[in-house]
Amino acid sequence: MLRTTSQFTTERSPCGKVSDGSRHREDDDEGLVIDDMTFACGCRQLRHTFHDGSIRIRTIRHDGKVLTDEHSADHEA
């Protein structure tokens, strides 16, 4: 599994502030991809792609309020 963590600057966070932060990414080359961004203000954006192709996107503001929590498998019949 490939794991990387990198720093970024001047990205717009979910609360609207322009902030620095870090990005952590894991990829197992079989479909699982974890991509998490943590901003200096405390906001987080998470995008997880699973082996079955479904995707979960979660956005959390620095005060803990969940702004987005979607999973593509929730919409399948």
PDB file of N, CA and C in Angstrom:
ATOM      1  N   MET A   1       0.849  -1.172   0.000  1.00  0.00           N
ATOM      2  CA  MET A   1       0.000   0.000   0.000  1.00  0.00           C
ATOM      3  C   MET A   1       0.894   1.235   0.000  1.00  0.00           C
ATOM      4  N   LEU A   2       0.608   2.148  -0.882  1.00  0.00           N
ATOM      5  CA  LEU A   2       1.339   3.402  -0.986  1.00  0.00           C
ATOM      6  C   LEU A   2       0.703   4.424  -0.052  1.00  0.00           C
ATOM      7  N   ARG A   3       1.522   5.031   0.807  1.00  0.00           N
ATOM      8  CA  ARG A   3       1.048   6.054   1.744  1.00  0.00           C
ATOM      9  C   ARG A   3       1.889   7.304   1.571  1.00  0.00           C
ATOM     10  N   THR A   4       1.224   8.434   1.448  1.00  0.00           N
ATOM     11  CA  THR A   4       1.936   9.704   1.375  1.00  0.00           C
ATOM     12  C   THR A   4       1.224  10.739   2.246  1.00  0.00           C
ATOM     13  N   THR A   5       2.012  11.597   2.832  1.00  0.00           N
ATOM     14  CA  THR A   5       1.486  12.746   3.556  1.00  0.00           C
ATOM     15  C   THR A   5       2.262  13.958   3.083  1.00  0.00           C
ATOM     16  N   SER A   6       1.529  14.994   2.722  1.00  0.00           N
ATOM     17  CA  SER A   6       2.181  16.205   2.224  1.00  0.00           C
ATOM     18  C   SER A   6       1.501  17.428   2.837  1.00  0.00           C
ATOM     19  N   GLN A   7       2.218  18.515   2.841  1.00  0.00           N
ATOM     20  CA  GLN A   7       1.714  19.784   3.354  1.00  0.00           C
ATOM     21  C   GLN A   7       1.207  20.619   2.181  1.00  0.00           C
ATOM     22  N   PHE A   8       0.203  21.446   2.435  1.00  0.00           N
ATOM     23  CA  PHE A   8      -0.266  22.380   1.402  1.00  0.00           C
ATOM     24  C   PHE A   8      -0.439  23.752   2.025  1.00  0.00           C
ATOM     25  N   THR A   9      -0.490  24.757   1.181  1.00  0.00           N
ATOM     26  CA  THR A   9      -0.695  26.134   1.632  1.00  0.00           C
ATOM     27  C   THR A   9      -1.802  26.764   0.802  1.00  0.00           C
ATOM     28  N   THR A  10      -2.439  27.714   1.389  1.00  0.00           N
ATOM     29  CA  THR A  10      -3.455  28.557   0.767  1.00  0.00           C
ATOM     30  C   THR A  10      -4.542  27.790   0.010  1.00  0.00           C
ATOM     31  N   GLU A  11      -5.131  26.798   0.672  1.00  0.00           N
ATOM     32  CA  GLU A  11      -6.305  26.100   0.136  1.00  0.00           C
ATOM     33  C   GLU A  11      -7.538  26.611   0.885  1.00  0.00           C
ATOM     34  N   ARG A  12      -8.673  26.663   0.200  1.00  0.00           N
ATOM     35  CA  ARG A  12      -9.900  27.094   0.863  1.00  0.00           C
ATOM     36  C   ARG A  12     -10.477  25.929   1.660  1.00  0.00           C
ATOM     37  N   SER A  13     -10.675  26.152   2.945  1.00  0.00           N
ATOM     38  CA  SER A  13     -11.210  25.114   3.836  1.00  0.00           C
ATOM     39  C   SER A  13     -12.739  25.123   3.766  1.00  0.00           C
ATOM     40  N   PRO A  14     -13.393  24.109   4.296  1.00  0.00           N
ATOM     41  CA  PRO A  14     -14.855  24.050   4.270  1.00  0.00           C
ATOM     42  C   PRO A  14     -15.548  25.235   4.955  1.00  0.00           C
ATOM     43  N   CYS A  15     -14.898  25.875   5.924  1.00  0.00           N
ATOM     44  CA  CYS A  15     -15.511  27.033   6.584  1.00  0.00           C
ATOM     45  C   CYS A  15     -15.312  28.317   5.784  1.00  0.00           C
ATOM     46  N   GLY A  16     -14.548  28.232   4.698  1.00  0.00           N
ATOM     47  CA  GLY A  16     -14.349  29.388   3.835  1.00  0.00           C
ATOM     48  C   GLY A  16     -13.022  30.102   4.031  1.00  0.00           C
ATOM     49  N   LYS A  17     -12.301  29.762   5.080  1.00  0.00           N
ATOM     50  CA  LYS A  17     -11.000  30.383   5.311  1.00  0.00           C
ATOM     51  C   LYS A  17      -9.969  29.814   4.352  1.00  0.00           C
ATOM     52  N   VAL A  18      -9.014  30.630   3.986  1.00  0.00           N
ATOM     53  CA  VAL A  18      -7.861  30.145   3.226  1.00  0.00           C
ATOM     54  C   VAL A  18      -6.836  29.722   4.264  1.00  0.00           C
ATOM     55  N   SER A  19      -6.407  28.467   4.167  1.00  0.00           N
ATOM     56  CA  SER A  19      -5.643  27.880   5.256  1.00  0.00           C
ATOM     57  C   SER A  19      -4.573  26.933   4.744  1.00  0.00           C
ATOM     58  N   ASP A  20      -3.566  26.717   5.558  1.00  0.00           N
ATOM     59  CA  ASP A  20      -2.576  25.670   5.308  1.00  0.00           C
ATOM     60  C   ASP A  20      -3.119  24.361   5.877  1.00  0.00           C
ATOM     61  N   GLY A  21      -2.421  23.281   5.607  1.00  0.00           N
ATOM     62  CA  GLY A  21      -2.836  22.013   6.181  1.00  0.00           C
ATOM     63  C   GLY A  21      -2.019  20.859   5.639  1.00  0.00           C
ATOM     64  N   SER A  22      -2.544  19.652   5.841  1.00  0.00           N
ATOM     65  CA  SER A  22      -1.859  18.461   5.354  1.00  0.00           C
ATOM     66  C   SER A  22      -2.840  17.540   4.639  1.00  0.00           C
ATOM     67  N   ARG A  23      -2.292  16.745   3.745  1.00  0.00           N
ATOM     68  CA  ARG A  23      -3.078  15.798   2.974  1.00  0.00           C
ATOM     69  C   ARG A  23      -2.447  14.421   3.138  1.00  0.00           C
ATOM     70  N   HIS A  24      -3.265  13.459   3.527  1.00  0.00           N
ATOM     71  CA  HIS A  24      -2.809  12.086   3.689  1.00  0.00           C
ATOM     72  C   HIS A  24      -3.534  11.234   2.659  1.00  0.00           C
ATOM     73  N   ARG A  25      -2.764  10.439   1.916  1.00  0.00           N
ATOM     74  CA  ARG A  25      -3.351   9.603   0.867  1.00  0.00           C
ATOM     75  C   ARG A  25      -2.783   8.186   0.972  1.00  0.00           C
ATOM     76  N   GLU A  26      -3.689   7.217   0.873  1.00  0.00           N
ATOM     77  CA  GLU A  26      -3.309   5.811   0.838  1.00  0.00           C
ATOM     78  C   GLU A  26      -3.973   5.174  -0.381  1.00  0.00           C
ATOM     79  N   ASP A  27      -3.247   4.296  -1.057  1.00  0.00           N
ATOM     80  CA  ASP A  27      -3.742   3.640  -2.270  1.00  0.00           C
ATOM     81  C   ASP A  27      -3.185   2.227  -2.302  1.00  0.00           C
ATOM     82  N   ASP A  28      -4.089   1.221  -2.390  1.00  0.00           N
ATOM     83  CA  ASP A  28      -3.616  -0.166  -2.384  1.00  0.00           C
ATOM     84  C   ASP A  28      -3.522  -0.773  -3.782  1.00  0.00           C
ATOM     85  N   ASP A  29      -3.704   0.022  -4.826  1.00  0.00           N
ATOM     86  CA  ASP A  29      -3.632  -0.423  -6.229  1.00  0.00           C
ATOM     87  C   ASP A  29      -4.683  -1.466  -6.587  1.00  0.00           C
ATOM     88  N   GLU A  30      -5.667  -1.668  -5.728  1.00  0.00           N
ATOM     89  CA  GLU A  30      -6.752  -2.609  -6.005  1.00  0.00           C
ATOM     90  C   GLU A  30      -8.110  -1.925  -5.888  1.00  0.00           C
ATOM     91  N   GLY A  31      -8.106  -0.602  -5.837  1.00  0.00           N
ATOM     92  CA  GLY A  31      -9.361   0.143  -5.801  1.00  0.00           C
ATOM     93  C   GLY A  31      -9.588   0.950  -4.548  1.00  0.00           C
ATOM     94  N   LEU A  32      -8.902   0.620  -3.460  1.00  0.00           N
ATOM     95  CA  LEU A  32      -9.077   1.371  -2.222  1.00  0.00           C
ATOM     96  C   LEU A  32      -8.188   2.614  -2.244  1.00  0.00           C
ATOM     97  N   VAL A  33      -8.809   3.784  -2.114  1.00  0.00           N
ATOM     98  CA  VAL A  33      -8.072   5.044  -2.061  1.00  0.00           C
ATOM     99  C   VAL A  33      -8.642   5.864  -0.913  1.00  0.00           C
ATOM    100  N   ILE A  34      -7.777   6.259  -0.002  1.00  0.00           N
ATOM    101  CA  ILE A  34      -8.154   7.107   1.117  1.00  0.00           C
ATOM    102  C   ILE A  34      -7.447   8.439   0.919  1.00  0.00           C
ATOM    103  N   ASP A  35      -8.220   9.512   0.875  1.00  0.00           N
ATOM    104  CA  ASP A  35      -7.673  10.847   0.626  1.00  0.00           C
ATOM    105  C   ASP A  35      -8.269  11.791   1.669  1.00  0.00           C
ATOM    106  N   ASP A  36      -7.477  12.159   2.667  1.00  0.00           N
ATOM    107  CA  ASP A  36      -7.946  12.993   3.774  1.00  0.00           C
ATOM    108  C   ASP A  36      -7.154  14.291   3.824  1.00  0.00           C
ATOM    109  N   MET A  37      -7.875  15.403   3.912  1.00  0.00           N
ATOM    110  CA  MET A  37      -7.245  16.711   4.057  1.00  0.00           C
ATOM    111  C   MET A  37      -7.627  17.277   5.420  1.00  0.00           C
ATOM    112  N   THR A  38      -6.627  17.753   6.165  1.00  0.00           N
ATOM    113  CA  THR A  38      -6.848  18.389   7.459  1.00  0.00           C
ATOM    114  C   THR A  38      -6.296  19.808   7.373  1.00  0.00           C
ATOM    115  N   PHE A  39      -7.136  20.781   7.652  1.00  0.00           N
ATOM    116  CA  PHE A  39      -6.761  22.186   7.541  1.00  0.00           C
ATOM    117  C   PHE A  39      -6.321  22.730   8.896  1.00  0.00           C
ATOM    118  N   ALA A  40      -5.492  23.770   8.887  1.00  0.00           N
ATOM    119  CA  ALA A  40      -4.972  24.367  10.114  1.00  0.00           C
ATOM    120  C   ALA A  40      -6.098  24.883  11.015  1.00  0.00           C
ATOM    121  N   CYS A  41      -7.221  25.274  10.422  1.00  0.00           N
ATOM    122  CA  CYS A  41      -8.348  25.782  11.217  1.00  0.00           C
ATOM    123  C   CYS A  41      -9.110  24.657  11.915  1.00  0.00           C
ATOM    124  N   GLY A  42      -8.834  23.394  11.530  1.00  0.00           N
ATOM    125  CA  GLY A  42      -9.509  22.256  12.144  1.00  0.00           C
ATOM    126  C   GLY A  42     -10.528  21.582  11.241  1.00  0.00           C
ATOM    127  N   CYS A  43     -10.842  22.178  10.116  1.00  0.00           N
ATOM    128  CA  CYS A  43     -11.771  21.558   9.164  1.00  0.00           C
ATOM    129  C   CYS A  43     -11.123  20.325   8.527  1.00  0.00           C
ATOM    130  N   ARG A  44     -11.977  19.385   8.048  1.00  0.00           N
ATOM    131  CA  ARG A  44     -11.468  18.187   7.382  1.00  0.00           C
ATOM    132  C   ARG A  44     -12.329  17.849   6.168  1.00  0.00           C
ATOM    133  N   GLN A  45     -11.687  17.317   5.145  1.00  0.00           N
ATOM    134  CA  GLN A  45     -12.378  16.771   3.979  1.00  0.00           C
ATOM    135  C   GLN A  45     -11.843  15.363   3.774  1.00  0.00           C
ATOM    136  N   LEU A  46     -12.746  14.394   3.707  1.00  0.00           N
ATOM    137  CA  LEU A  46     -12.353  12.999   3.548  1.00  0.00           C
ATOM    138  C   LEU A  46     -13.043  12.431   2.317  1.00  0.00           C
ATOM    139  N   ARG A  47     -12.275  11.744   1.499  1.00  0.00           N
ATOM    140  CA  ARG A  47     -12.814  11.068   0.319  1.00  0.00           C
ATOM    141  C   ARG A  47     -12.231   9.656   0.305  1.00  0.00           C
ATOM    142  N   HIS A  48     -13.100   8.673   0.427  1.00  0.00           N
ATOM    143  CA  HIS A  48     -12.682   7.279   0.448  1.00  0.00           C
ATOM    144  C   HIS A  48     -13.351   6.554  -0.708  1.00  0.00           C
ATOM    145  N   THR A  49     -12.547   5.937  -1.548  1.00  0.00           N
ATOM    146  CA  THR A  49     -13.043   5.103  -2.633  1.00  0.00           C
ATOM    147  C   THR A  49     -12.770   3.659  -2.235  1.00  0.00           C
ATOM    148  N   PHE A  50     -13.811   2.830  -2.279  1.00  0.00           N
ATOM    149  CA  PHE A  50     -13.705   1.461  -1.796  1.00  0.00           C
ATOM    150  C   PHE A  50     -13.515   0.475  -2.943  1.00  0.00           C
ATOM    151  N   HIS A  51     -13.152  -0.747  -2.606  1.00  0.00           N
ATOM    152  CA  HIS A  51     -12.889  -1.786  -3.607  1.00  0.00           C
ATOM    153  C   HIS A  51     -14.083  -2.039  -4.523  1.00  0.00           C
ATOM    154  N   ASP A  52     -15.304  -1.843  -4.020  1.00  0.00           N
ATOM    155  CA  ASP A  52     -16.489  -2.085  -4.837  1.00  0.00           C
ATOM    156  C   ASP A  52     -16.828  -0.911  -5.748  1.00  0.00           C
ATOM    157  N   GLY A  53     -16.013   0.143  -5.700  1.00  0.00           N
ATOM    158  CA  GLY A  53     -16.220   1.311  -6.549  1.00  0.00           C
ATOM    159  C   GLY A  53     -17.053   2.400  -5.900  1.00  0.00           C
ATOM    160  N   SER A  54     -17.632   2.125  -4.742  1.00  0.00           N
ATOM    161  CA  SER A  54     -18.419   3.147  -4.068  1.00  0.00           C
ATOM    162  C   SER A  54     -17.491   4.200  -3.462  1.00  0.00           C
ATOM    163  N   ILE A  55     -18.043   5.390  -3.275  1.00  0.00           N
ATOM    164  CA  ILE A  55     -17.265   6.526  -2.780  1.00  0.00           C
ATOM    165  C   ILE A  55     -17.990   7.149  -1.598  1.00  0.00           C
ATOM    166  N   ARG A  56     -17.239   7.498  -0.552  1.00  0.00           N
ATOM    167  CA  ARG A  56     -17.785   8.237   0.582  1.00  0.00           C
ATOM    168  C   ARG A  56     -17.047   9.557   0.681  1.00  0.00           C
ATOM    169  N   ILE A  57     -17.813  10.627   0.740  1.00  0.00           N
ATOM    170  CA  ILE A  57     -17.255  11.971   0.887  1.00  0.00           C
ATOM    171  C   ILE A  57     -17.836  12.566   2.160  1.00  0.00           C
ATOM    172  N   ARG A  58     -16.945  13.023   3.019  1.00  0.00           N
ATOM    173  CA  ARG A  58     -17.375  13.615   4.277  1.00  0.00           C
ATOM    174  C   ARG A  58     -16.617  14.916   4.482  1.00  0.00           C
ATOM    175  N   THR A  59     -17.350  15.982   4.807  1.00  0.00           N
ATOM    176  CA  THR A  59     -16.766  17.291   5.063  1.00  0.00           C
ATOM    177  C   THR A  59     -17.183  17.727   6.456  1.00  0.00           C
ATOM    178  N   ILE A  60     -16.181  18.067   7.280  1.00  0.00           N
ATOM    179  CA  ILE A  60     -16.435  18.429   8.673  1.00  0.00           C
ATOM    180  C   ILE A  60     -15.813  19.793   8.947  1.00  0.00           C
ATOM    181  N   ARG A  61     -16.639  20.712   9.422  1.00  0.00           N
ATOM    182  CA  ARG A  61     -16.154  22.046   9.763  1.00  0.00           C
ATOM    183  C   ARG A  61     -15.383  22.002  11.079  1.00  0.00           C
ATOM    184  N   HIS A  62     -14.535  22.984  11.337  1.00  0.00           N
ATOM    185  CA  HIS A  62     -13.667  23.004  12.512  1.00  0.00           C
ATOM    186  C   HIS A  62     -14.418  22.934  13.841  1.00  0.00           C
ATOM    187  N   ASP A  63     -15.688  23.289  13.866  1.00  0.00           N
ATOM    188  CA  ASP A  63     -16.476  23.215  15.105  1.00  0.00           C
ATOM    189  C   ASP A  63     -17.167  21.859  15.279  1.00  0.00           C
ATOM    190  N   GLY A  64     -16.885  20.927  14.355  1.00  0.00           N
ATOM    191  CA  GLY A  64     -17.439  19.581  14.458  1.00  0.00           C
ATOM    192  C   GLY A  64     -18.705  19.353  13.660  1.00  0.00           C
ATOM    193  N   LYS A  65     -19.284  20.405  13.100  1.00  0.00           N
ATOM    194  CA  LYS A  65     -20.501  20.246  12.307  1.00  0.00           C
ATOM    195  C   LYS A  65     -20.181  19.517  11.004  1.00  0.00           C
ATOM    196  N   VAL A  66     -20.944  18.461  10.722  1.00  0.00           N
ATOM    197  CA  VAL A  66     -20.774  17.702   9.478  1.00  0.00           C
ATOM    198  C   VAL A  66     -21.535  18.433   8.381  1.00  0.00           C
ATOM    199  N   LEU A  67     -20.812  18.907   7.374  1.00  0.00           N
ATOM    200  CA  LEU A  67     -21.434  19.644   6.274  1.00  0.00           C
ATOM    201  C   LEU A  67     -21.889  18.715   5.158  1.00  0.00           C
ATOM    202  N   THR A  68     -21.134  17.651   4.924  1.00  0.00           N
ATOM    203  CA  THR A  68     -21.456  16.677   3.883  1.00  0.00           C
ATOM    204  C   THR A  68     -21.103  15.293   4.397  1.00  0.00           C
ATOM    205  N   ASP A  69     -21.996  14.352   4.180  1.00  0.00           N
ATOM    206  CA  ASP A  69     -21.708  12.951   4.490  1.00  0.00           C
ATOM    207  C   ASP A  69     -22.487  12.112   3.486  1.00  0.00           C
ATOM    208  N   GLU A  70     -21.850  11.834   2.371  1.00  0.00           N
ATOM    209  CA  GLU A  70     -22.495  11.107   1.285  1.00  0.00           C
ATOM    210  C   GLU A  70     -21.737   9.826   0.994  1.00  0.00           C
ATOM    211  N   HIS A  71     -22.493   8.777   0.717  1.00  0.00           N
ATOM    212  CA  HIS A  71     -21.906   7.501   0.314  1.00  0.00           C
ATOM    213  C   HIS A  71     -22.664   7.043  -0.916  1.00  0.00           C
ATOM    214  N   SER A  72     -21.960   6.816  -2.012  1.00  0.00           N
ATOM    215  CA  SER A  72     -22.612   6.464  -3.276  1.00  0.00           C
ATOM    216  C   SER A  72     -23.408   5.179  -3.173  1.00  0.00           C
ATOM    217  N   ALA A  73     -23.022   4.258  -2.290  1.00  0.00           N
ATOM    218  CA  ALA A  73     -23.754   3.001  -2.130  1.00  0.00           C
ATOM    219  C   ALA A  73     -25.131   3.232  -1.513  1.00  0.00           C
ATOM    220  N   ASP A  74     -25.313   4.361  -0.804  1.00  0.00           N
ATOM    221  CA  ASP A  74     -26.621   4.672  -0.207  1.00  0.00           C
ATOM    222  C   ASP A  74     -27.678   4.952  -1.264  1.00  0.00           C
ATOM    223  N   HIS A  75     -27.269   5.286  -2.490  1.00  0.00           N
ATOM    224  CA  HIS A  75     -28.199   5.666  -3.541  1.00  0.00           C
ATOM    225  C   HIS A  75     -28.503   4.534  -4.514  1.00  0.00           C
ATOM    226  N   GLU A  76     -27.826   3.407  -4.351  1.00  0.00           N
ATOM    227  CA  GLU A  76     -28.038   2.293  -5.270  1.00  0.00           C
ATOM    228  C   GLU A  76     -29.280   1.517  -4.872  1.00  0.00           C
ATOM    229  N   ALA A  77     -29.958   0.983  -5.866  1.00  0.00           N
ATOM    230  CA  ALA A  77     -31.185   0.220  -5.593  1.00  0.00           C
ATOM    231  C   ALA A  77     -30.884  -1.235  -5.349  1.00  0.00           C
TER     232      ALA A  77
END
